[in-house]
């Protein structure tokens, strides 16, 4: 999707959003973010000015999955998942390896 940032807030065109929604892919605010040096974090992702911000953040120390990170994104934290809450995180966009939308309902109130 094409985006524009105004006063530090990221906007998406309504047409792009509806096209994604029709295709069954609605971007979630909460995302798993894979950062350089092996950090895997989860939280509400946004871009503010020249940095990425993760609020309601946590470090995923141990996945605890049998089917990889995608299982965690879809199912939420599992019995063997170890998550450490942390303050809001800020990081440079070039440290992001990948971002994964999560099933919001599976993650709601889980950490």
PDB file of N, CA and C in Angstrom:
ATOM      1  N   UNK A   1       0.826  -1.175   0.000  1.00  0.00           N
ATOM      2  CA  UNK A   1       0.000   0.000   0.000  1.00  0.00           C
ATOM      3  C   UNK A   1       0.872   1.242   0.000  1.00  0.00           C
ATOM      4  N   UNK A   2       0.444   2.229  -0.726  1.00  0.00           N
ATOM      5  CA  UNK A   2       1.133   3.510  -0.693  1.00  0.00           C
ATOM      6  C   UNK A   2       0.687   4.266   0.547  1.00  0.00           C
ATOM      7  N   UNK A   3       1.633   4.952   1.169  1.00  0.00           N
ATOM      8  CA  UNK A   3       1.314   5.706   2.378  1.00  0.00           C
ATOM      9  C   UNK A   3       1.875   7.110   2.271  1.00  0.00           C
ATOM     10  N   UNK A   4       1.343   7.971   3.109  1.00  0.00           N
ATOM     11  CA  UNK A   4       1.863   9.330   3.234  1.00  0.00           C
ATOM     12  C   UNK A   4       1.924   9.629   4.729  1.00  0.00           C
ATOM     13  N   UNK A   5       2.932  10.356   5.138  1.00  0.00           N
ATOM     14  CA  UNK A   5       3.072  10.716   6.536  1.00  0.00           C
ATOM     15  C   UNK A   5       2.896  12.228   6.665  1.00  0.00           C
ATOM     16  N   UNK A   6       1.948  12.617   7.507  1.00  0.00           N
ATOM     17  CA  UNK A   6       1.674  14.026   7.768  1.00  0.00           C
ATOM     18  C   UNK A   6       1.778  14.244   9.272  1.00  0.00           C
ATOM     19  N   UNK A   7       2.657  15.154   9.653  1.00  0.00           N
ATOM     20  CA  UNK A   7       2.871  15.438  11.077  1.00  0.00           C
ATOM     21  C   UNK A   7       3.136  14.173  11.878  1.00  0.00           C
ATOM     22  N   UNK A   8       3.902  13.260  11.286  1.00  0.00           N
ATOM     23  CA  UNK A   8       4.289  12.047  11.991  1.00  0.00           C
ATOM     24  C   UNK A   8       3.242  10.950  12.019  1.00  0.00           C
ATOM     25  N   UNK A   9       2.101  11.144  11.347  1.00  0.00           N
ATOM     26  CA  UNK A   9       1.047  10.136  11.319  1.00  0.00           C
ATOM     27  C   UNK A   9       0.993   9.534   9.924  1.00  0.00           C
ATOM     28  N   UNK A  10       0.960   8.200   9.861  1.00  0.00           N
ATOM     29  CA  UNK A  10       0.953   7.485   8.590  1.00  0.00           C
ATOM     30  C   UNK A  10      -0.485   7.298   8.104  1.00  0.00           C
ATOM     31  N   UNK A  11      -0.745   7.640   6.840  1.00  0.00           N
ATOM     32  CA  UNK A  11      -2.077   7.508   6.252  1.00  0.00           C
ATOM     33  C   UNK A  11      -2.011   6.609   5.023  1.00  0.00           C
ATOM     34  N   UNK A  12      -3.078   5.857   4.811  1.00  0.00           N
ATOM     35  CA  UNK A  12      -3.208   4.962   3.674  1.00  0.00           C
ATOM     36  C   UNK A  12      -4.449   5.381   2.911  1.00  0.00           C
ATOM     37  N   UNK A  13      -4.394   5.284   1.588  1.00  0.00           N
ATOM     38  CA  UNK A  13      -5.578   5.670   0.817  1.00  0.00           C
ATOM     39  C   UNK A  13      -6.725   4.700   1.088  1.00  0.00           C
ATOM     40  N   UNK A  14      -7.935   5.229   1.083  1.00  0.00           N
ATOM     41  CA  UNK A  14      -9.119   4.409   1.341  1.00  0.00           C
ATOM     42  C   UNK A  14      -9.230   3.300   0.292  1.00  0.00           C
ATOM     43  N   UNK A  15      -8.901   3.600  -0.955  1.00  0.00           N
ATOM     44  CA  UNK A  15      -8.992   2.603  -2.029  1.00  0.00           C
ATOM     45  C   UNK A  15      -8.038   1.443  -1.773  1.00  0.00           C
ATOM     46  N   UNK A  16      -6.793   1.750  -1.360  1.00  0.00           N
ATOM     47  CA  UNK A  16      -5.829   0.691  -1.064  1.00  0.00           C
ATOM     48  C   UNK A  16      -6.291  -0.159   0.106  1.00  0.00           C
ATOM     49  N   UNK A  17      -6.813   0.497   1.156  1.00  0.00           N
ATOM     50  CA  UNK A  17      -7.283  -0.234   2.329  1.00  0.00           C
ATOM     51  C   UNK A  17      -8.442  -1.159   1.965  1.00  0.00           C
ATOM     52  N   UNK A  18      -9.409  -0.641   1.187  1.00  0.00           N
ATOM     53  CA  UNK A  18     -10.555  -1.452   0.792  1.00  0.00           C
ATOM     54  C   UNK A  18     -10.126  -2.614  -0.093  1.00  0.00           C
ATOM     55  N   UNK A  19      -9.145  -2.379  -0.982  1.00  0.00           N
ATOM     56  CA  UNK A  19      -8.655  -3.449  -1.849  1.00  0.00           C
ATOM     57  C   UNK A  19      -8.041  -4.569  -1.017  1.00  0.00           C
ATOM     58  N   UNK A  20      -7.268  -4.216  -0.010  1.00  0.00           N
ATOM     59  CA  UNK A  20      -6.668  -5.221   0.875  1.00  0.00           C
ATOM     60  C   UNK A  20      -7.763  -5.959   1.640  1.00  0.00           C
ATOM     61  N   UNK A  21      -8.759  -5.208   2.124  1.00  0.00           N
ATOM     62  CA  UNK A  21      -9.838  -5.803   2.904  1.00  0.00           C
ATOM     63  C   UNK A  21     -10.630  -6.787   2.048  1.00  0.00           C
ATOM     64  N   UNK A  22     -10.918  -6.412   0.799  1.00  0.00           N
ATOM     65  CA  UNK A  22     -11.652  -7.285  -0.111  1.00  0.00           C
ATOM     66  C   UNK A  22     -10.856  -8.559  -0.363  1.00  0.00           C
ATOM     67  N   UNK A  23      -9.536  -8.437  -0.444  1.00  0.00           N
ATOM     68  CA  UNK A  23      -8.685  -9.603  -0.684  1.00  0.00           C
ATOM     69  C   UNK A  23      -8.553 -10.467   0.576  1.00  0.00           C
ATOM     70  N   UNK A  24      -9.180 -10.044   1.672  1.00  0.00           N
ATOM     71  CA  UNK A  24      -9.111 -10.822   2.900  1.00  0.00           C
ATOM     72  C   UNK A  24      -7.885 -10.509   3.738  1.00  0.00           C
ATOM     73  N   UNK A  25      -7.167  -9.473   3.388  1.00  0.00           N
ATOM     74  CA  UNK A  25      -5.955  -9.111   4.128  1.00  0.00           C
ATOM     75  C   UNK A  25      -6.152  -7.714   4.689  1.00  0.00           C
ATOM     76  N   UNK A  26      -6.430  -7.635   5.970  1.00  0.00           N
ATOM     77  CA  UNK A  26      -6.564  -6.349   6.633  1.00  0.00           C
ATOM     78  C   UNK A  26      -5.363  -6.197   7.550  1.00  0.00           C
ATOM     79  N   UNK A  27      -4.508  -5.207   7.290  1.00  0.00           N
ATOM     80  CA  UNK A  27      -3.316  -5.059   8.123  1.00  0.00           C
ATOM     81  C   UNK A  27      -3.699  -4.853   9.588  1.00  0.00           C
ATOM     82  N   UNK A  28      -3.002  -5.561  10.461  1.00  0.00           N
ATOM     83  CA  UNK A  28      -3.268  -5.390  11.881  1.00  0.00           C
ATOM     84  C   UNK A  28      -2.339  -4.328  12.443  1.00  0.00           C
ATOM     85  N   UNK A  29      -2.816  -3.621  13.457  1.00  0.00           N
ATOM     86  CA  UNK A  29      -1.968  -2.642  14.118  1.00  0.00           C
ATOM     87  C   UNK A  29      -0.888  -3.367  14.913  1.00  0.00           C
ATOM     88  N   UNK A  30      -1.274  -4.451  15.574  1.00  0.00           N
ATOM     89  CA  UNK A  30      -0.310  -5.240  16.331  1.00  0.00           C
ATOM     90  C   UNK A  30       0.458  -6.118  15.355  1.00  0.00           C
ATOM     91  N   UNK A  31       1.783  -6.088  15.488  1.00  0.00           N
ATOM     92  CA  UNK A  31       2.626  -6.864  14.578  1.00  0.00           C
ATOM     93  C   UNK A  31       3.792  -7.485  15.321  1.00  0.00           C
ATOM     94  N   UNK A  32       4.253  -8.598  14.787  1.00  0.00           N
ATOM     95  CA  UNK A  32       5.520  -9.167  15.217  1.00  0.00           C
ATOM     96  C   UNK A  32       6.569  -8.522  14.327  1.00  0.00           C
ATOM     97  N   UNK A  33       7.606  -7.970  14.949  1.00  0.00           N
ATOM     98  CA  UNK A  33       8.668  -7.298  14.196  1.00  0.00           C
ATOM     99  C   UNK A  33       9.975  -8.038  14.452  1.00  0.00           C
ATOM    100  N   UNK A  34      10.628  -8.425  13.367  1.00  0.00           N
ATOM    101  CA  UNK A  34      11.928  -9.089  13.468  1.00  0.00           C
ATOM    102  C   UNK A  34      12.986  -8.028  13.203  1.00  0.00           C
ATOM    103  N   UNK A  35      13.852  -7.844  14.186  1.00  0.00           N
ATOM    104  CA  UNK A  35      14.893  -6.818  14.101  1.00  0.00           C
ATOM    105  C   UNK A  35      16.261  -7.465  13.946  1.00  0.00           C
ATOM    106  N   UNK A  36      17.231  -6.661  13.603  1.00  0.00           N
ATOM    107  CA  UNK A  36      18.603  -7.141  13.502  1.00  0.00           C
ATOM    108  C   UNK A  36      19.060  -7.717  14.841  1.00  0.00           C
ATOM    109  N   UNK A  37      20.085  -8.563  14.769  1.00  0.00           N
ATOM    110  CA  UNK A  37      20.718  -9.173  15.946  1.00  0.00           C
ATOM    111  C   UNK A  37      19.795 -10.124  16.704  1.00  0.00           C
ATOM    112  N   UNK A  38      18.772 -10.641  16.014  1.00  0.00           N
ATOM    113  CA  UNK A  38      17.948 -11.689  16.591  1.00  0.00           C
ATOM    114  C   UNK A  38      16.807 -11.251  17.484  1.00  0.00           C
ATOM    115  N   UNK A  39      16.537  -9.971  17.565  1.00  0.00           N
ATOM    116  CA  UNK A  39      15.431  -9.498  18.397  1.00  0.00           C
ATOM    117  C   UNK A  39      14.112  -9.757  17.680  1.00  0.00           C
ATOM    118  N   UNK A  40      13.158 -10.338  18.403  1.00  0.00           N
ATOM    119  CA  UNK A  40      11.809 -10.539  17.889  1.00  0.00           C
ATOM    120  C   UNK A  40      10.872  -9.906  18.910  1.00  0.00           C
ATOM    121  N   UNK A  41      10.102  -8.928  18.458  1.00  0.00           N
ATOM    122  CA  UNK A  41       9.260  -8.159  19.361  1.00  0.00           C
ATOM    123  C   UNK A  41       7.832  -8.117  18.820  1.00  0.00           C
ATOM    124  N   UNK A  42       6.901  -7.776  19.684  1.00  0.00           N
ATOM    125  CA  UNK A  42       5.499  -7.679  19.290  1.00  0.00           C
ATOM    126  C   UNK A  42       4.911  -6.434  19.935  1.00  0.00           C
ATOM    127  N   UNK A  43       3.981  -5.812  19.234  1.00  0.00           N
ATOM    128  CA  UNK A  43       3.317  -4.632  19.780  1.00  0.00           C
ATOM    129  C   UNK A  43       2.559  -3.901  18.698  1.00  0.00           C
ATOM    130  N   UNK A  44       2.014  -2.756  19.078  1.00  0.00           N
ATOM    131  CA  UNK A  44       1.276  -1.912  18.134  1.00  0.00           C
ATOM    132  C   UNK A  44       2.280  -1.062  17.373  1.00  0.00           C
ATOM    133  N   UNK A  45       2.429  -1.333  16.087  1.00  0.00           N
ATOM    134  CA  UNK A  45       3.473  -0.745  15.250  1.00  0.00           C
ATOM    135  C   UNK A  45       3.003   0.545  14.593  1.00  0.00           C
ATOM    136  N   UNK A  46       3.878   1.540  14.596  1.00  0.00           N
ATOM    137  CA  UNK A  46       3.615   2.771  13.851  1.00  0.00           C
ATOM    138  C   UNK A  46       4.947   3.402  13.460  1.00  0.00           C
ATOM    139  N   UNK A  47       4.865   4.361  12.582  1.00  0.00           N
ATOM    140  CA  UNK A  47       6.048   5.123  12.181  1.00  0.00           C
ATOM    141  C   UNK A  47       5.798   6.565  12.578  1.00  0.00           C
ATOM    142  N   UNK A  48       6.725   7.136  13.341  1.00  0.00           N
ATOM    143  CA  UNK A  48       6.624   8.516  13.788  1.00  0.00           C
ATOM    144  C   UNK A  48       7.890   9.231  13.357  1.00  0.00           C
ATOM    145  N   UNK A  49       7.703  10.206  12.470  1.00  0.00           N
ATOM    146  CA  UNK A  49       8.820  10.952  11.891  1.00  0.00           C
ATOM    147  C   UNK A  49       9.812   9.987  11.265  1.00  0.00           C
ATOM    148  N   UNK A  50      11.034   9.906  11.788  1.00  0.00           N
ATOM    149  CA  UNK A  50      12.051   9.061  11.150  1.00  0.00           C
ATOM    150  C   UNK A  50      12.357   7.807  11.948  1.00  0.00           C
ATOM    151  N   UNK A  51      11.422   7.372  12.804  1.00  0.00           N
ATOM    152  CA  UNK A  51      11.680   6.167  13.571  1.00  0.00           C
ATOM    153  C   UNK A  51      10.426   5.304  13.681  1.00  0.00           C
ATOM    154  N   UNK A  52      10.642   4.017  13.895  1.00  0.00           N
ATOM    155  CA  UNK A  52       9.548   3.082  14.132  1.00  0.00           C
ATOM    156  C   UNK A  52       9.260   3.067  15.626  1.00  0.00           C
ATOM    157  N   UNK A  53       7.993   2.937  15.970  1.00  0.00           N
ATOM    158  CA  UNK A  53       7.599   2.920  17.375  1.00  0.00           C
ATOM    159  C   UNK A  53       6.720   1.694  17.602  1.00  0.00           C
ATOM    160  N   UNK A  54       6.994   0.993  18.689  1.00  0.00           N
ATOM    161  CA  UNK A  54       6.196  -0.154  19.096  1.00  0.00           C
ATOM    162  C   UNK A  54       5.653   0.141  20.489  1.00  0.00           C
ATOM    163  N   UNK A  55       4.328   0.325  20.590  1.00  0.00           N
ATOM    164  CA  UNK A  55       3.702   0.554  21.888  1.00  0.00           C
ATOM    165  C   UNK A  55       3.042  -0.749  22.337  1.00  0.00           C
ATOM    166  N   UNK A  56       2.692  -0.817  23.623  1.00  0.00           N
ATOM    167  CA  UNK A  56       2.186  -2.086  24.170  1.00  0.00           C
ATOM    168  C   UNK A  56       3.155  -3.190  23.756  1.00  0.00           C
ATOM    169  N   UNK A  57       4.429  -2.952  23.976  1.00  0.00           N
ATOM    170  CA  UNK A  57       5.495  -3.784  23.425  1.00  0.00           C
ATOM    171  C   UNK A  57       5.923  -4.919  24.348  1.00  0.00           C
ATOM    172  N   UNK A  58       6.478  -5.950  23.720  1.00  0.00           N
ATOM    173  CA  UNK A  58       7.056  -7.071  24.452  1.00  0.00           C
ATOM    174  C   UNK A  58       8.106  -7.742  23.579  1.00  0.00           C
ATOM    175  N   UNK A  59       9.092  -8.331  24.227  1.00  0.00           N
ATOM    176  CA  UNK A  59      10.111  -9.126  23.545  1.00  0.00           C
ATOM    177  C   UNK A  59       9.648 -10.574  23.578  1.00  0.00           C
ATOM    178  N   UNK A  60       9.680 -11.233  22.423  1.00  0.00           N
ATOM    179  CA  UNK A  60       9.354 -12.661  22.370  1.00  0.00           C
ATOM    180  C   UNK A  60      10.682 -13.395  22.546  1.00  0.00           C
ATOM    181  N   UNK A  61      10.924 -13.855  23.764  1.00  0.00           N
ATOM    182  CA  UNK A  61      12.197 -14.492  24.102  1.00  0.00           C
ATOM    183  C   UNK A  61      12.251 -15.932  23.589  1.00  0.00           C
ATOM    184  N   UNK A  62      11.145 -16.651  23.711  1.00  0.00           N
ATOM    185  CA  UNK A  62      11.061 -18.033  23.233  1.00  0.00           C
ATOM    186  C   UNK A  62       9.745 -18.199  22.482  1.00  0.00           C
ATOM    187  N   UNK A  63       9.827 -18.665  21.236  1.00  0.00           N
ATOM    188  CA  UNK A  63       8.617 -18.811  20.442  1.00  0.00           C
ATOM    189  C   UNK A  63       7.689 -19.864  21.026  1.00  0.00           C
ATOM    190  N   UNK A  64       8.211 -21.033  21.352  1.00  0.00           N
ATOM    191  CA  UNK A  64       7.402 -22.121  21.895  1.00  0.00           C
ATOM    192  C   UNK A  64       6.474 -22.755  20.877  1.00  0.00           C
ATOM    193  N   UNK A  65       6.855 -22.700  19.615  1.00  0.00           N
ATOM    194  CA  UNK A  65       5.995 -23.229  18.553  1.00  0.00           C
ATOM    195  C   UNK A  65       6.581 -24.500  17.947  1.00  0.00           C
ATOM    196  N   UNK A  66       5.761 -25.199  17.186  1.00  0.00           N
ATOM    197  CA  UNK A  66       6.242 -26.330  16.396  1.00  0.00           C
ATOM    198  C   UNK A  66       6.203 -26.002  14.909  1.00  0.00           C
ATOM    199  N   UNK A  67       5.525 -24.879  14.564  1.00  0.00           N
ATOM    200  CA  UNK A  67       5.360 -24.511  13.159  1.00  0.00           C
ATOM    201  C   UNK A  67       5.915 -23.122  12.849  1.00  0.00           C
ATOM    202  N   UNK A  68       6.820 -22.633  13.693  1.00  0.00           N
ATOM    203  CA  UNK A  68       7.493 -21.376  13.402  1.00  0.00           C
ATOM    204  C   UNK A  68       6.746 -20.139  13.854  1.00  0.00           C
ATOM    205  N   UNK A  69       7.265 -19.022  13.437  1.00  0.00           N
ATOM    206  CA  UNK A  69       6.761 -17.730  13.856  1.00  0.00           C
ATOM    207  C   UNK A  69       5.350 -17.456  13.329  1.00  0.00           C
ATOM    208  N   UNK A  70       5.029 -17.989  12.178  1.00  0.00           N
ATOM    209  CA  UNK A  70       3.680 -17.827  11.622  1.00  0.00           C
ATOM    210  C   UNK A  70       2.611 -18.416  12.530  1.00  0.00           C
ATOM    211  N   UNK A  71       2.924 -19.528  13.170  1.00  0.00           N
ATOM    212  CA  UNK A  71       1.988 -20.141  14.117  1.00  0.00           C
ATOM    213  C   UNK A  71       1.721 -19.189  15.279  1.00  0.00           C
ATOM    214  N   UNK A  72       2.756 -18.557  15.743  1.00  0.00           N
ATOM    215  CA  UNK A  72       2.634 -17.600  16.840  1.00  0.00           C
ATOM    216  C   UNK A  72       1.782 -16.397  16.415  1.00  0.00           C
ATOM    217  N   UNK A  73       1.996 -15.914  15.192  1.00  0.00           N
ATOM    218  CA  UNK A  73       1.231 -14.774  14.682  1.00  0.00           C
ATOM    219  C   UNK A  73      -0.256 -15.110  14.596  1.00  0.00           C
ATOM    220  N   UNK A  74      -0.574 -16.310  14.153  1.00  0.00           N
ATOM    221  CA  UNK A  74      -1.974 -16.698  13.980  1.00  0.00           C
ATOM    222  C   UNK A  74      -2.642 -17.127  15.286  1.00  0.00           C
ATOM    223  N   UNK A  75      -1.917 -17.865  16.129  1.00  0.00           N
ATOM    224  CA  UNK A  75      -2.520 -18.465  17.319  1.00  0.00           C
ATOM    225  C   UNK A  75      -2.332 -17.662  18.588  1.00  0.00           C
ATOM    226  N   UNK A  76      -1.435 -16.692  18.561  1.00  0.00           N
ATOM    227  CA  UNK A  76      -1.104 -15.959  19.773  1.00  0.00           C
ATOM    228  C   UNK A  76      -0.112 -16.757  20.602  1.00  0.00           C
ATOM    229  N   UNK A  77       0.240 -16.251  21.777  1.00  0.00           N
ATOM    230  CA  UNK A  77       1.210 -16.937  22.628  1.00  0.00           C
ATOM    231  C   UNK A  77       0.720 -18.334  23.006  1.00  0.00           C
ATOM    232  N   UNK A  78       1.638 -19.291  22.953  1.00  0.00           N
ATOM    233  CA  UNK A  78       1.330 -20.676  23.292  1.00  0.00           C
ATOM    234  C   UNK A  78       1.859 -21.000  24.686  1.00  0.00           C
ATOM    235  N   UNK A  79       1.617 -22.217  25.145  1.00  0.00           N
ATOM    236  CA  UNK A  79       2.039 -22.628  26.486  1.00  0.00           C
ATOM    237  C   UNK A  79       3.527 -22.405  26.724  1.00  0.00           C
ATOM    238  N   UNK A  80       4.359 -22.723  25.737  1.00  0.00           N
ATOM    239  CA  UNK A  80       5.811 -22.614  25.908  1.00  0.00           C
ATOM    240  C   UNK A  80       6.392 -21.292  25.424  1.00  0.00           C
ATOM    241  N   UNK A  81       5.542 -20.359  25.015  1.00  0.00           N
ATOM    242  CA  UNK A  81       6.011 -19.055  24.563  1.00  0.00           C
ATOM    243  C   UNK A  81       6.412 -18.223  25.776  1.00  0.00           C
ATOM    244  N   UNK A  82       7.577 -17.581  25.677  1.00  0.00           N
ATOM    245  CA  UNK A  82       8.028 -16.695  26.750  1.00  0.00           C
ATOM    246  C   UNK A  82       8.061 -15.272  26.217  1.00  0.00           C
ATOM    247  N   UNK A  83       7.257 -14.406  26.830  1.00  0.00           N
ATOM    248  CA  UNK A  83       7.130 -13.016  26.401  1.00  0.00           C
ATOM    249  C   UNK A  83       7.457 -12.114  27.577  1.00  0.00           C
ATOM    250  N   UNK A  84       8.304 -11.126  27.334  1.00  0.00           N
ATOM    251  CA  UNK A  84       8.691 -10.180  28.376  1.00  0.00           C
ATOM    252  C   UNK A  84       8.184  -8.796  28.015  1.00  0.00           C
ATOM    253  N   UNK A  85       7.217  -8.290  28.794  1.00  0.00           N
ATOM    254  CA  UNK A  85       6.711  -6.926  28.576  1.00  0.00           C
ATOM    255  C   UNK A  85       7.859  -5.944  28.682  1.00  0.00           C
ATOM    256  N   UNK A  86       7.766  -4.851  27.961  1.00  0.00           N
ATOM    257  CA  UNK A  86       8.799  -3.821  28.032  1.00  0.00           C
ATOM    258  C   UNK A  86       8.160  -2.469  27.726  1.00  0.00           C
ATOM    259  N   UNK A  87       8.871  -1.381  28.045  1.00  0.00           N
ATOM    260  CA  UNK A  87       8.344  -0.058  27.694  1.00  0.00           C
ATOM    261  C   UNK A  87       8.248   0.083  26.171  1.00  0.00           C
ATOM    262  N   UNK A  88       7.609   1.160  25.738  1.00  0.00           N
ATOM    263  CA  UNK A  88       7.542   1.437  24.303  1.00  0.00           C
ATOM    264  C   UNK A  88       8.940   1.377  23.707  1.00  0.00           C
ATOM    265  N   UNK A  89       9.023   0.850  22.493  1.00  0.00           N
ATOM    266  CA  UNK A  89      10.314   0.716  21.810  1.00  0.00           C
ATOM    267  C   UNK A  89      10.366   1.665  20.628  1.00  0.00           C
ATOM    268  N   UNK A  90      11.541   2.192  20.380  1.00  0.00           N
ATOM    269  CA  UNK A  90      11.792   3.025  19.201  1.00  0.00           C
ATOM    270  C   UNK A  90      13.034   2.481  18.523  1.00  0.00           C
ATOM    271  N   UNK A  91      12.979   2.370  17.208  1.00  0.00           N
ATOM    272  CA  UNK A  91      14.121   1.826  16.486  1.00  0.00           C
ATOM    273  C   UNK A  91      14.141   2.380  15.072  1.00  0.00           C
ATOM    274  N   UNK A  92      15.313   2.358  14.493  1.00  0.00           N
ATOM    275  CA  UNK A  92      15.509   2.884  13.143  1.00  0.00           C
ATOM    276  C   UNK A  92      14.874   1.939  12.133  1.00  0.00           C
ATOM    277  N   UNK A  93      14.213   2.458  11.110  1.00  0.00           N
ATOM    278  CA  UNK A  93      13.579   1.593  10.110  1.00  0.00           C
ATOM    279  C   UNK A  93      14.537   0.607   9.438  1.00  0.00           C
ATOM    280  N   UNK A  94      15.809   0.969   9.330  1.00  0.00           N
ATOM    281  CA  UNK A  94      16.747   0.070   8.652  1.00  0.00           C
ATOM    282  C   UNK A  94      17.151  -1.131   9.523  1.00  0.00           C
ATOM    283  N   UNK A  95      16.713  -1.169  10.781  1.00  0.00           N
ATOM    284  CA  UNK A  95      16.997  -2.336  11.623  1.00  0.00           C
ATOM    285  C   UNK A  95      15.914  -3.398  11.500  1.00  0.00           C
ATOM    286  N   UNK A  96      14.841  -3.077  10.765  1.00  0.00           N
ATOM    287  CA  UNK A  96      13.724  -4.014  10.611  1.00  0.00           C
ATOM    288  C   UNK A  96      14.051  -5.007   9.496  1.00  0.00           C
ATOM    289  N   UNK A  97      14.006  -6.292   9.846  1.00  0.00           N
ATOM    290  CA  UNK A  97      14.205  -7.358   8.861  1.00  0.00           C
ATOM    291  C   UNK A  97      12.870  -7.696   8.204  1.00  0.00           C
ATOM    292  N   UNK A  98      11.826  -7.844   9.046  1.00  0.00           N
ATOM    293  CA  UNK A  98      10.497  -8.183   8.537  1.00  0.00           C
ATOM    294  C   UNK A  98       9.447  -7.828   9.578  1.00  0.00           C
ATOM    295  N   UNK A  99       8.217  -7.647   9.090  1.00  0.00           N
ATOM    296  CA  UNK A  99       7.074  -7.423   9.974  1.00  0.00           C
ATOM    297  C   UNK A  99       5.980  -8.407   9.586  1.00  0.00           C
ATOM    298  N   UNK A 100       5.273  -8.916  10.586  1.00  0.00           N
ATOM    299  CA  UNK A 100       4.238  -9.904  10.338  1.00  0.00           C
ATOM    300  C   UNK A 100       2.953  -9.470  11.046  1.00  0.00           C
ATOM    301  N   UNK A 101       1.867  -9.355  10.288  1.00  0.00           N
ATOM    302  CA  UNK A 101       0.574  -9.075  10.908  1.00  0.00           C
ATOM    303  C   UNK A 101       0.206 -10.249  11.806  1.00  0.00           C
ATOM    304  N   UNK A 102      -0.489  -9.947  12.892  1.00  0.00           N
ATOM    305  CA  UNK A 102      -0.933 -11.010  13.787  1.00  0.00           C
ATOM    306  C   UNK A 102      -2.453 -11.027  13.851  1.00  0.00           C
ATOM    307  N   UNK A 103      -2.990 -12.112  14.317  1.00  0.00           N
ATOM    308  CA  UNK A 103      -4.420 -12.229  14.556  1.00  0.00           C
ATOM    309  C   UNK A 103      -4.692 -11.459  15.845  1.00  0.00           C
ATOM    310  N   UNK A 104      -5.286 -10.273  15.715  1.00  0.00           N
ATOM    311  CA  UNK A 104      -5.502  -9.406  16.879  1.00  0.00           C
ATOM    312  C   UNK A 104      -6.257 -10.111  18.006  1.00  0.00           C
ATOM    313  N   UNK A 105      -7.264 -10.889  17.667  1.00  0.00           N
ATOM    314  CA  UNK A 105      -8.062 -11.562  18.704  1.00  0.00           C
ATOM    315  C   UNK A 105      -7.223 -12.570  19.481  1.00  0.00           C
ATOM    316  N   UNK A 106      -6.282 -13.233  18.812  1.00  0.00           N
ATOM    317  CA  UNK A 106      -5.431 -14.230  19.473  1.00  0.00           C
ATOM    318  C   UNK A 106      -4.408 -13.591  20.404  1.00  0.00           C
ATOM    319  N   UNK A 107      -4.111 -12.321  20.199  1.00  0.00           N
ATOM    320  CA  UNK A 107      -3.093 -11.633  21.002  1.00  0.00           C
ATOM    321  C   UNK A 107      -3.689 -10.713  22.056  1.00  0.00           C
ATOM    322  N   UNK A 108      -4.960 -10.417  21.962  1.00  0.00           N
ATOM    323  CA  UNK A 108      -5.598  -9.457  22.849  1.00  0.00           C
ATOM    324  C   UNK A 108      -5.483  -9.890  24.321  1.00  0.00           C
ATOM    325  N   UNK A 109      -4.819  -9.057  25.126  1.00  0.00           N
ATOM    326  CA  UNK A 109      -4.682  -9.311  26.558  1.00  0.00           C
ATOM    327  C   UNK A 109      -3.810 -10.482  26.935  1.00  0.00           C
ATOM    328  N   UNK A 110      -2.953 -10.954  26.032  1.00  0.00           N
ATOM    329  CA  UNK A 110      -2.140 -12.139  26.297  1.00  0.00           C
ATOM    330  C   UNK A 110      -0.773 -11.866  26.931  1.00  0.00           C
ATOM    331  N   UNK A 111      -0.422 -10.590  27.049  1.00  0.00           N
ATOM    332  CA  UNK A 111       0.868 -10.288  27.712  1.00  0.00           C
ATOM    333  C   UNK A 111       0.803  -8.957  28.393  1.00  0.00           C
TER     334      UNK A 111
END
